[in-house]
């Protein structure tokens, strides 16, 4: 995610499944086939910032989303099939979802559904329990007006009479499809959206079909095979200028809203067409691009931020000064999309790394060195200022997108580069991205990689930069000599 001023001071492993997803909740224990006793899956995956995010007892394999959106009324109707594998004997399971539900089927058989305690947890009770290790299809049919739905102060639906864009962080999926809504559970994604035939639909991955119906609507389908975090799934529908091609061997698909002024649409398309070349540069710095396609969408709707939707970020209108935000969101394809946070307290690994790659771009394109940038920011804020009063390795749920998480995260990476040396630093980054591709990682995991690569004890460095709400001392040990 990039705020409007991007540098303003401001594959799930078996072990993870066993320790995180297989936690059952208390409740009745009906017998399953063969006399196996099942229990309800937990109503959260274990993130202390967002206790009801995600759910326990299963691992999602894929989502197949079929939604229809009516611009005039703001009404969304749909059905989503969630293919999941039980990691415990389940008598019931939760999905994160906010719209009214009409019907739930588990492997084609009607299942009970309810929201007993709040409006976020959809509790599904199948006719018979689901044994651990078995894979089932949970199909949910629903209808409602997502623009009228809020949850814990979030009203995330972004739409007007002409355009709609489903984008937000850390939550978006529950406004338009039921999900196991946490970065710890990634899955393949199929998205089919039906709107009037004179509108375009853009989503994640590759466009695989478009069917025009007799009633003047059209369904456009997109497929993303690589595992995806639910909040990174998106769609945009409206009147868009569209272009696609291949650059440096990387397929791309871009779109800019025609609700903008003509010159803004044209300028945005010019910048969006640079996406694949920027990805090509990024993979030269990092590791191979982790997805099959790239691109981006510029919307006319004012979200106040750009977002790293997997394979296809969304932006505000782009102009000649937009390189930084393009680099930032495309760097997120590695930091945040391929390697996602373990818990939301680790968000600096996304935002700090993407900001660092902006600094790296500047350093390699005629600008000041990253070490000069580090000292400039370090010297700009006195000890005790608000800039330093945040523990960026555990910022709290209300400050996960604080500007200090972005800038101090990038500063810490450059300081680490200076501390352990350029070669060890880039080996650390590339090892992190390779070993945890399609998976997750925490600050502690990243420290372990850096220590293994460099052969150094980095406890004091990580404590000073990530777990202290104070300005690091200007020492060689902190990468600031």
Protein backbone atom coordinates (compact mmCIF):
# COMPACT_ATOMS: atom_id res chain seq x y z
CA UNK A 1 0.00 0.00 0.00
CA UNK A 2 1.19 3.50 -0.81
CA UNK A 3 -0.35 6.65 0.71
CA UNK A 4 -0.72 9.49 -1.74
CA UNK A 5 2.71 10.76 -0.68
CA UNK A 6 4.63 7.46 -0.73
CA UNK A 7 7.76 8.60 1.18
CA UNK A 8 5.92 10.81 3.59
CA UNK A 9 7.09 10.54 7.21
CA UNK A 10 5.01 8.68 7.53
CA UNK A 11 2.55 -21.90 0.84
CA UNK A 12 1.30 -22.58 4.08
CA UNK A 13 3.69 -25.26 5.49
CA UNK A 14 2.59 -28.41 7.21
CA UNK A 15 4.06 -27.10 10.46
CA UNK A 16 2.08 -23.89 10.26
CA UNK A 17 -1.09 -25.82 9.48
CA UNK A 18 -0.52 -28.08 12.45
CA UNK A 19 0.18 -25.31 14.94
CA UNK A 20 -2.05 -22.49 13.68
CA UNK A 21 -4.95 -23.78 11.64
CA UNK A 22 -5.69 -26.98 13.52
CA UNK A 23 -6.96 -25.27 16.66
CA UNK A 24 -10.55 -26.27 17.27
CA UNK A 25 -13.06 -24.24 19.22
CA UNK A 26 -15.19 -25.52 22.07
CA UNK A 27 -18.70 -26.76 21.47
CA UNK A 28 -20.83 -29.77 20.69
CA UNK A 29 -19.07 -32.77 19.27
CA UNK A 30 -21.31 -34.71 16.90
CA UNK A 31 -20.10 -38.00 15.49
CA UNK A 32 -18.71 -38.14 11.97
CA UNK A 33 -18.70 -41.13 9.67
CA UNK A 34 -16.94 -44.03 11.36
CA UNK A 35 -17.60 -42.66 14.85
CA UNK A 36 -14.98 -39.88 14.63
CA UNK A 37 -15.80 -36.99 16.97
CA UNK A 38 -15.65 -33.53 15.44
CA UNK A 39 -15.41 -30.09 17.02
CA UNK A 40 -15.98 -26.57 15.63
CA UNK A 41 -13.10 -24.85 13.90
CA UNK A 42 -11.76 -21.80 15.73
CA UNK A 43 -13.32 -18.42 14.86
CA UNK A 44 -9.89 -16.82 14.40
CA UNK A 45 -6.52 -17.86 13.04
CA UNK A 46 -4.58 -16.43 15.97
CA UNK A 47 -3.56 -12.88 15.00
CA UNK A 48 -3.62 -10.72 18.17
CA UNK A 49 -4.31 -7.54 16.20
CA UNK A 50 -7.42 -8.96 14.53
CA UNK A 51 -8.67 -11.92 16.61
CA UNK A 52 -11.57 -12.72 14.24
CA UNK A 53 -9.47 -12.65 11.06
CA UNK A 54 -9.15 -16.06 9.48
CA UNK A 55 -10.41 -19.27 11.01
CA UNK A 56 -9.11 -22.55 12.37
CA UNK A 57 -9.57 -26.14 11.33
CA UNK A 58 -9.05 -25.98 7.58
CA UNK A 59 -6.80 -24.84 4.73
CA UNK A 60 -8.36 -23.27 1.64
CA UNK A 61 -7.17 -24.69 -1.68
CA UNK A 62 -9.10 -22.39 -4.03
CA UNK A 63 -11.85 -19.80 -4.38
CA UNK A 64 -14.25 -19.69 -7.33
CA UNK A 65 -16.10 -16.36 -7.11
CA UNK A 66 -19.12 -15.56 -9.31
CA UNK A 67 -20.57 -12.12 -8.56
CA UNK A 68 -23.00 -9.82 -10.34
CA UNK A 69 -22.96 -6.09 -9.60
CA UNK A 70 -25.69 -3.56 -10.40
CA UNK A 71 -24.40 -0.01 -10.58
CA UNK A 72 -27.80 1.63 -10.21
CA UNK A 73 -28.69 0.00 -6.91
CA UNK A 74 -25.28 -0.98 -5.59
CA UNK A 75 -26.57 -4.53 -5.15
CA UNK A 76 -24.20 -7.47 -5.41
CA UNK A 77 -25.42 -11.04 -5.81
CA UNK A 78 -23.21 -14.05 -6.07
CA UNK A 79 -22.04 -17.48 -5.20
CA UNK A 80 -18.58 -18.55 -4.16
CA UNK A 81 -17.24 -22.07 -3.94
CA UNK A 82 -14.51 -22.46 -1.33
CA UNK A 83 -12.56 -25.68 -1.78
CA UNK A 84 -10.92 -26.50 1.54
CA UNK A 85 -9.11 -29.32 3.32
CA UNK A 86 -9.95 -30.02 6.95
CA UNK A 87 -6.95 -29.99 9.30
CA UNK A 88 -9.03 -31.40 12.16
CA UNK A 89 -12.25 -33.34 12.49
CA UNK A 90 -14.78 -30.56 11.95
CA UNK A 91 -18.35 -30.39 13.17
CA UNK A 92 -18.60 -26.80 11.86
CA UNK A 93 -16.40 -24.11 10.39
CA UNK A 94 -16.36 -20.33 10.10
CA UNK A 95 -15.91 -18.11 7.05
CA UNK A 96 -15.33 -14.36 7.18
CA UNK A 97 -18.19 -12.66 5.35
CA UNK A 98 -20.45 -9.63 5.76
CA UNK A 99 -23.33 -9.91 3.25
CA UNK A 100 -26.65 -11.72 3.85
CA UNK A 101 -26.46 -15.40 2.95
CA UNK A 102 -29.24 -17.28 1.15
CA UNK A 103 -27.88 -20.83 1.08
CA UNK A 104 -24.83 -22.90 1.93
CA UNK A 105 -24.03 -26.29 0.39
CA UNK A 106 -21.21 -28.60 1.47
CA UNK A 107 -20.40 -31.02 -1.34
CA UNK A 108 -23.85 -30.30 -2.75
CA UNK A 109 -25.74 -31.00 0.46
CA UNK A 110 -27.58 -28.23 2.31
CA UNK A 111 -25.74 -27.02 5.41
CA UNK A 112 -26.81 -24.87 8.32
CA UNK A 113 -25.50 -21.32 8.48
CA UNK A 114 -25.71 -18.59 11.09
CA UNK A 115 -24.04 -15.53 12.57
CA UNK A 116 -24.60 -16.20 16.27
CA UNK A 117 -22.39 -13.60 17.94
CA UNK A 118 -21.39 -10.96 15.39
CA UNK A 119 -21.82 -9.94 11.78
CA UNK A 120 -18.41 -11.10 10.54
CA UNK A 121 -18.33 -14.84 11.25
CA UNK A 122 -20.44 -17.04 9.02
CA UNK A 123 -20.75 -20.35 10.88
CA UNK A 124 -21.33 -23.29 8.53
CA UNK A 125 -22.64 -26.56 10.00
CA UNK A 126 -22.62 -29.40 7.45
CA UNK A 127 -25.18 -32.21 7.58
CA UNK A 128 -22.34 -34.56 8.53
CA UNK A 129 -18.97 -33.66 9.97
CA UNK A 130 -15.84 -33.25 7.89
CA UNK A 131 -13.01 -35.68 8.80
CA UNK A 132 -9.47 -34.34 9.06
CA UNK A 133 -7.62 -34.61 5.76
CA UNK A 134 -10.72 -34.62 3.59
CA UNK A 135 -11.34 -31.96 0.94
CA UNK A 136 -14.81 -30.52 0.44
CA UNK A 137 -16.50 -27.76 -1.54
CA UNK A 138 -18.39 -25.16 0.47
CA UNK A 139 -20.69 -23.15 -1.79
CA UNK A 140 -22.19 -19.95 -0.41
CA UNK A 141 -24.95 -17.99 -2.19
CA UNK A 142 -25.53 -14.39 -1.10
CA UNK A 143 -26.96 -10.99 -1.96
CA UNK A 144 -26.68 -7.52 -0.47
CA UNK A 145 -25.40 -3.98 -0.80
CA UNK A 146 -21.74 -3.92 0.25
CA UNK A 147 -21.72 -0.12 0.17
CA UNK A 148 -24.09 -0.16 3.14
CA UNK A 149 -21.97 -2.57 5.19
CA UNK A 150 -19.42 -1.57 7.80
CA UNK A 151 -17.48 -3.66 10.27
CA UNK A 152 -15.49 -2.38 13.25
CA UNK A 153 -15.35 1.09 11.75
CA UNK A 154 -14.38 -0.06 8.26
CA UNK A 155 -16.59 0.82 5.28
CA UNK A 156 -14.41 -0.50 2.50
CA UNK A 157 -16.67 -0.63 -0.56
CA UNK A 158 -15.56 1.88 -3.21
CA UNK A 159 -18.11 2.65 -5.93
CA UNK A 160 -20.19 5.29 -7.69
CA UNK A 161 -22.76 5.13 -10.51
CA UNK A 162 -20.05 4.49 -13.10
CA UNK A 163 -17.29 2.44 -11.48
CA UNK A 164 -16.56 -0.01 -8.68
CA UNK A 165 -13.21 -1.19 -7.30
CA UNK A 166 -12.91 -3.84 -4.56
CA UNK A 167 -9.60 -2.87 -2.93
CA UNK A 168 -8.47 -2.33 0.65
CA UNK A 169 -6.06 -3.55 3.32
CA UNK A 170 -6.02 -5.42 5.67
CA UNK A 171 -9.66 -6.35 4.95
CA UNK A 172 -11.63 -6.42 1.70
CA UNK A 173 -12.74 -9.93 0.79
CA UNK A 174 -15.69 -10.15 3.26
CA UNK A 175 -17.48 -7.36 1.38
CA UNK A 176 -17.71 -9.45 -1.82
CA UNK A 177 -16.86 -13.11 -1.18
CA UNK A 178 -16.61 -15.44 1.85
CA UNK A 179 -13.03 -16.20 2.80
CA UNK A 180 -10.53 -17.41 5.35
CA UNK A 181 -9.40 -13.82 5.60
CA UNK A 182 -5.81 -13.81 6.84
CA UNK A 183 -2.40 -13.91 5.10
CA UNK A 184 -1.65 -17.31 6.66
CA UNK A 185 -4.09 -19.02 4.31
CA UNK A 186 -3.37 -18.48 0.62
CA UNK A 187 -5.25 -20.09 -2.23
CA UNK A 188 -5.71 -20.09 -6.00
CA UNK A 189 -8.34 -17.63 -7.23
CA UNK A 190 -10.97 -17.63 -9.99
CA UNK A 191 -13.02 -14.45 -10.30
CA UNK A 192 -16.02 -14.04 -12.62
CA UNK A 193 -17.87 -10.71 -12.54
CA UNK A 194 -21.12 -9.91 -14.40
CA UNK A 195 -21.91 -6.27 -15.19
CA UNK A 196 -23.44 -4.37 -18.12
CA UNK A 197 -21.74 -5.37 -21.36
CA UNK A 198 -20.53 -1.82 -22.04
CA UNK A 199 -18.27 -1.99 -18.97
CA UNK A 200 -14.90 -3.70 -18.61
CA UNK A 201 -13.89 -5.94 -15.70
CA UNK A 202 -10.27 -6.25 -14.57
CA UNK A 203 -9.08 -8.59 -11.82
CA UNK A 204 -6.07 -10.65 -10.73
CA UNK A 205 -4.10 -12.98 -12.95
CA UNK A 206 -4.96 -13.75 -16.55
CA UNK A 207 -8.23 -13.05 -18.33
CA UNK A 208 -9.64 -16.41 -19.41
CA UNK A 209 -12.98 -15.51 -20.97
CA UNK A 210 -15.85 -13.10 -21.54
CA UNK A 211 -19.44 -14.12 -22.23
CA UNK A 212 -22.09 -11.63 -23.40
CA UNK A 213 -25.62 -12.48 -22.24
CA UNK A 214 -28.97 -11.80 -23.92
CA UNK A 215 -29.98 -9.32 -21.19
CA UNK A 216 -27.19 -6.89 -22.16
CA UNK A 217 -24.77 -7.98 -19.45
CA UNK A 218 -21.42 -9.74 -19.77
CA UNK A 219 -19.43 -12.00 -17.49
CA UNK A 220 -15.64 -11.61 -17.51
CA UNK A 221 -13.52 -14.33 -15.92
CA UNK A 222 -9.99 -14.13 -14.52
CA UNK A 223 -7.75 -16.87 -13.14
CA UNK A 224 -4.74 -16.68 -10.80
CA UNK A 225 -3.07 -20.00 -10.18
CA UNK A 226 -0.43 -18.79 -7.73
CA UNK A 227 -1.50 -18.81 -4.05
CA UNK A 228 -3.09 -15.50 -3.02
CA UNK A 229 -4.00 -13.82 0.26
CA UNK A 230 -7.73 -12.93 0.27
CA UNK A 231 -7.28 -9.16 0.71
CA UNK A 232 -5.07 -9.10 -2.40
CA UNK A 233 -7.93 -10.38 -4.57
CA UNK A 234 -9.70 -7.53 -6.36
CA UNK A 235 -11.87 -6.54 -9.25
CA UNK A 236 -12.56 -3.25 -10.98
CA UNK A 237 -15.57 -2.68 -13.23
CA UNK A 238 -16.43 0.37 -15.29
CA UNK A 239 -15.41 2.05 -18.52
CA UNK A 240 -11.67 1.66 -18.92
CA UNK A 241 -9.07 2.20 -21.59
CA UNK A 242 -7.27 -1.15 -21.83
CA UNK A 243 -3.95 -2.30 -23.26
CA UNK A 244 -1.87 -5.46 -23.01
CA UNK A 245 1.33 -6.94 -24.35
CA UNK A 246 4.64 -8.52 -23.38
CA UNK A 247 7.80 -6.66 -22.33
CA UNK A 248 11.12 -8.38 -21.55
CA UNK A 249 9.25 -11.69 -21.60
CA UNK A 250 6.70 -10.52 -19.00
CA UNK A 251 3.02 -10.44 -20.06
CA UNK A 252 1.13 -7.33 -18.89
CA UNK A 253 -2.44 -6.04 -18.86
CA UNK A 254 -3.26 -2.45 -17.86
CA UNK A 255 -6.37 -0.29 -17.65
CA UNK A 256 -7.17 3.34 -16.81
CA UNK A 257 -10.58 4.75 -16.05
CA UNK A 258 -12.29 6.75 -18.77
CA UNK A 259 -14.14 8.65 -16.04
CA UNK A 260 -10.95 10.68 -15.63
CA UNK A 261 -10.14 13.66 -17.79
CA UNK A 262 -8.84 12.46 -21.16
CA UNK A 263 -5.34 13.73 -20.48
CA UNK A 264 -5.25 11.92 -17.12
CA UNK A 265 -6.38 8.68 -18.72
CA UNK A 266 -3.69 9.01 -21.39
CA UNK A 267 -0.97 9.92 -18.88
CA UNK A 268 -1.98 7.05 -16.63
CA UNK A 269 -1.82 4.57 -19.48
CA UNK A 270 1.65 5.82 -20.40
CA UNK A 271 2.85 5.14 -16.87
CA UNK A 272 1.05 1.81 -16.53
CA UNK A 273 2.74 0.54 -19.69
CA UNK A 274 6.04 0.83 -17.78
CA UNK A 275 4.95 -1.81 -15.28
CA UNK A 276 6.61 -4.79 -16.95
CA UNK A 277 9.89 -2.94 -17.48
CA UNK A 278 9.93 -1.96 -13.79
CA UNK A 279 9.19 -5.58 -12.85
CA UNK A 280 12.09 -6.62 -15.10
CA UNK A 281 14.39 -4.24 -13.19
CA UNK A 282 13.08 -5.47 -9.84
CA UNK A 283 13.70 -9.12 -10.66
CA UNK A 284 17.26 -8.18 -11.57
CA UNK A 285 17.66 -6.80 -8.05
CA UNK A 286 15.70 -9.55 -6.28
CA UNK A 287 14.72 -12.95 -7.71
CA UNK A 288 12.56 -13.97 -10.65
CA UNK A 289 9.12 -12.38 -10.77
CA UNK A 290 6.84 -14.75 -8.83
CA UNK A 291 3.70 -14.50 -10.99
CA UNK A 292 2.57 -15.20 -14.54
CA UNK A 293 1.54 -11.66 -15.44
CA UNK A 294 1.74 -8.05 -14.26
CA UNK A 295 0.07 -4.72 -14.92
CA UNK A 296 -2.09 -2.24 -13.06
CA UNK A 297 -5.37 -0.34 -12.92
CA UNK A 298 -5.96 3.39 -12.45
CA UNK A 299 -9.35 4.17 -10.97
CA UNK A 300 -11.30 7.42 -10.90
CA UNK A 301 -12.49 6.58 -7.39
CA UNK A 302 -10.56 8.27 -4.59
CA UNK A 303 -9.33 5.58 -2.22
CA UNK A 304 -6.53 7.78 -0.87
CA UNK A 305 -3.92 5.08 -1.48
CA UNK A 306 -2.54 2.68 -4.07
CA UNK A 307 -2.69 -1.04 -3.32
CA UNK A 308 -0.58 -4.02 -4.31
CA UNK A 309 -3.33 -6.36 -5.52
CA UNK A 310 -1.55 -9.51 -6.61
CA UNK A 311 -0.32 -9.20 -10.23
CA UNK A 312 -2.24 -5.96 -10.83
CA UNK A 313 -1.97 -3.03 -8.36
CA UNK A 314 -4.56 -0.27 -8.27
CA UNK A 315 -3.52 3.39 -8.38
CA UNK A 316 -4.84 6.92 -8.40
CA UNK A 317 -4.21 8.93 -11.64
CA UNK A 318 -0.56 8.62 -12.61
CA UNK A 319 1.67 11.25 -14.15
CA UNK A 320 5.34 11.87 -14.86
CA UNK A 321 6.22 11.85 -11.15
CA UNK A 322 4.69 8.45 -10.49
CA UNK A 323 7.75 6.23 -10.76
CA UNK A 324 8.09 5.88 -7.01
CA UNK A 325 4.57 4.60 -6.46
CA UNK A 326 4.90 2.17 -9.38
CA UNK A 327 8.15 0.78 -7.97
CA UNK A 328 6.61 0.54 -4.50
CA UNK A 329 3.49 -1.39 -5.49
CA UNK A 330 5.33 -3.65 -7.92
CA UNK A 331 7.99 -4.41 -5.29
CA UNK A 332 5.12 -5.59 -3.10
CA UNK A 333 4.61 -8.45 -5.56
CA UNK A 334 7.64 -9.98 -3.84
CA UNK A 335 7.29 -8.35 -0.41
CA UNK A 336 3.73 -8.91 0.76
CA UNK A 337 2.24 -10.91 -2.09
CA UNK A 338 4.70 -13.77 -2.67
CA UNK A 339 6.12 -13.61 0.86
CA UNK A 340 3.34 -12.40 3.15
CA UNK A 341 3.32 -11.44 6.80
CA UNK A 342 2.91 -14.12 9.42
CA UNK A 343 0.89 -11.75 11.60
CA UNK A 344 -0.05 -8.14 10.95
CA UNK A 345 2.53 -6.88 13.44
CA UNK A 346 5.12 -7.90 10.82
CA UNK A 347 3.80 -5.42 8.25
CA UNK A 348 7.10 -3.50 8.08
CA UNK A 349 8.40 -6.49 6.08
CA UNK A 350 5.93 -5.45 3.38
CA UNK A 351 5.96 -1.68 3.58
CA UNK A 352 9.55 -1.09 4.65
CA UNK A 353 10.90 -3.40 1.95
CA UNK A 354 8.75 -1.84 -0.80
CA UNK A 355 9.89 1.62 0.32
CA UNK A 356 13.50 0.46 0.36
CA UNK A 357 13.17 -0.64 -3.26
CA UNK A 358 12.02 2.88 -4.12
CA UNK A 359 15.22 4.16 -2.51
CA UNK A 360 17.21 1.53 -4.38
CA UNK A 361 15.64 2.64 -7.67
CA UNK A 362 16.70 6.22 -6.98
CA UNK A 363 20.21 5.09 -6.01
CA UNK A 364 20.64 3.19 -9.28
CA UNK A 365 19.06 5.88 -11.47
CA UNK A 366 21.30 8.86 -10.78
CA UNK A 367 20.06 9.83 -7.32
CA UNK A 368 21.81 9.89 -3.93
CA UNK A 369 23.02 6.69 -2.36
CA UNK A 370 20.75 4.78 -0.03
CA UNK A 371 23.20 5.40 2.83
CA UNK A 372 23.00 9.15 2.20
CA UNK A 373 19.20 8.83 2.21
CA UNK A 374 19.36 6.93 5.51
CA UNK A 375 21.44 9.60 7.22
CA UNK A 376 19.27 12.38 5.82
CA UNK A 377 16.16 10.88 7.40
CA UNK A 378 17.98 9.92 10.58
CA UNK A 379 19.21 13.48 11.07
CA UNK A 380 15.82 15.01 10.30
CA UNK A 381 14.13 13.86 13.51
CA UNK A 382 15.33 14.53 17.03
CA UNK A 383 15.14 11.82 19.65
CA UNK A 384 11.74 11.81 21.31
CA UNK A 385 9.83 12.92 18.22
CA UNK A 386 6.71 11.05 17.13
CA UNK A 387 8.69 9.57 14.26
CA UNK A 388 10.66 7.47 16.76
CA UNK A 389 7.90 6.72 19.30
CA UNK A 390 6.67 3.63 17.46
CA UNK A 391 7.93 0.08 17.82
CA UNK A 392 7.77 -0.77 14.14
CA UNK A 393 8.20 -4.50 14.74
CA UNK A 394 4.98 -4.42 16.76
CA UNK A 395 3.23 -1.11 15.99
CA UNK A 396 -0.25 -2.01 17.23
CA UNK A 397 -3.34 -2.53 15.09
CA UNK A 398 -4.14 1.19 14.84
CA UNK A 399 -0.71 2.15 13.48
CA UNK A 400 0.17 -0.65 11.09
CA UNK A 401 0.16 1.84 8.20
CA UNK A 402 1.84 4.67 10.08
CA UNK A 403 4.38 6.51 7.94
CA UNK A 404 7.16 5.48 10.32
CA UNK A 405 6.52 1.81 9.49
CA UNK A 406 7.28 2.59 5.85
CA UNK A 407 10.23 4.94 6.24
CA UNK A 408 11.87 3.47 9.32
CA UNK A 409 11.43 -0.01 7.85
CA UNK A 410 13.35 1.10 4.76
CA UNK A 411 15.94 2.85 6.92
CA UNK A 412 16.46 -0.32 8.93
CA UNK A 413 17.05 -2.36 5.77
CA UNK A 414 19.66 0.10 4.53
CA UNK A 415 21.27 0.14 7.97
CA UNK A 416 21.37 -3.68 7.86
CA UNK A 417 22.97 -3.49 4.43
CA UNK A 418 25.66 -1.19 5.82
CA UNK A 419 26.14 -3.32 8.92
CA UNK A 420 26.58 -6.75 7.29
CA UNK A 421 27.88 -5.66 3.90
CA UNK A 422 26.33 -5.35 0.46
CA UNK A 423 26.92 -8.97 -0.58
CA UNK A 424 25.51 -10.52 2.60
CA UNK A 425 22.55 -8.13 2.51
CA UNK A 426 21.43 -9.03 -0.99
CA UNK A 427 21.99 -12.72 -0.28
CA UNK A 428 19.72 -12.30 2.74
CA UNK A 429 17.01 -10.65 0.65
CA UNK A 430 17.17 -13.22 -2.13
CA UNK A 431 17.25 -16.15 0.30
CA UNK A 432 14.20 -14.73 2.07
CA UNK A 433 12.27 -14.38 -1.17
CA UNK A 434 13.29 -17.80 -2.49
CA UNK A 435 12.84 -19.90 0.62
CA UNK A 436 9.50 -18.35 1.60
CA UNK A 437 7.95 -17.88 -1.84
CA UNK A 438 4.16 -18.41 -1.71
CA UNK A 439 4.43 -18.46 2.07
CA UNK A 440 4.78 -16.23 5.11
CA UNK A 441 7.40 -14.85 7.44
CA UNK A 442 7.89 -12.85 10.63
CA UNK A 443 10.47 -10.35 11.82
CA UNK A 444 12.11 -13.09 13.86
CA UNK A 445 12.27 -15.30 10.76
CA UNK A 446 13.92 -12.50 8.79
CA UNK A 447 16.48 -11.94 11.54
CA UNK A 448 17.34 -15.64 11.47
CA UNK A 449 18.01 -15.49 7.72
CA UNK A 450 20.16 -12.36 8.10
CA UNK A 451 22.19 -13.97 10.89
CA UNK A 452 22.65 -17.20 8.99
CA UNK A 453 23.77 -15.36 5.87
CA UNK A 454 26.09 -12.88 7.56
CA UNK A 455 27.40 -15.09 10.38
CA UNK A 456 26.72 -12.23 12.82
CA UNK A 457 24.69 -11.95 16.00
CA UNK A 458 22.12 -9.27 15.16
CA UNK A 459 20.06 -9.25 18.35
CA UNK A 460 21.09 -5.73 19.35
CA UNK A 461 20.54 -4.42 15.81
CA UNK A 462 17.02 -5.82 15.55
CA UNK A 463 16.17 -4.67 19.06
CA UNK A 464 17.31 -1.11 18.29
CA UNK A 465 15.55 -0.83 14.95
CA UNK A 466 12.41 -2.93 15.37
CA UNK A 467 11.60 -3.40 19.04
CA UNK A 468 12.52 -0.07 20.63
CA UNK A 469 10.36 3.06 20.49
CA UNK A 470 13.38 5.34 20.47
CA UNK A 471 15.96 6.66 18.03
CA UNK A 472 18.76 4.10 17.47
CA UNK A 473 22.19 5.17 18.65
CA UNK A 474 24.44 6.35 15.77
CA UNK A 475 26.83 3.40 16.06
CA UNK A 476 28.48 0.97 13.70
CA UNK A 477 26.51 -1.83 15.37
CA UNK A 478 23.32 -0.09 14.24
CA UNK A 479 24.60 0.49 10.70
CA UNK A 480 24.96 4.23 11.30
CA UNK A 481 28.70 4.83 11.56
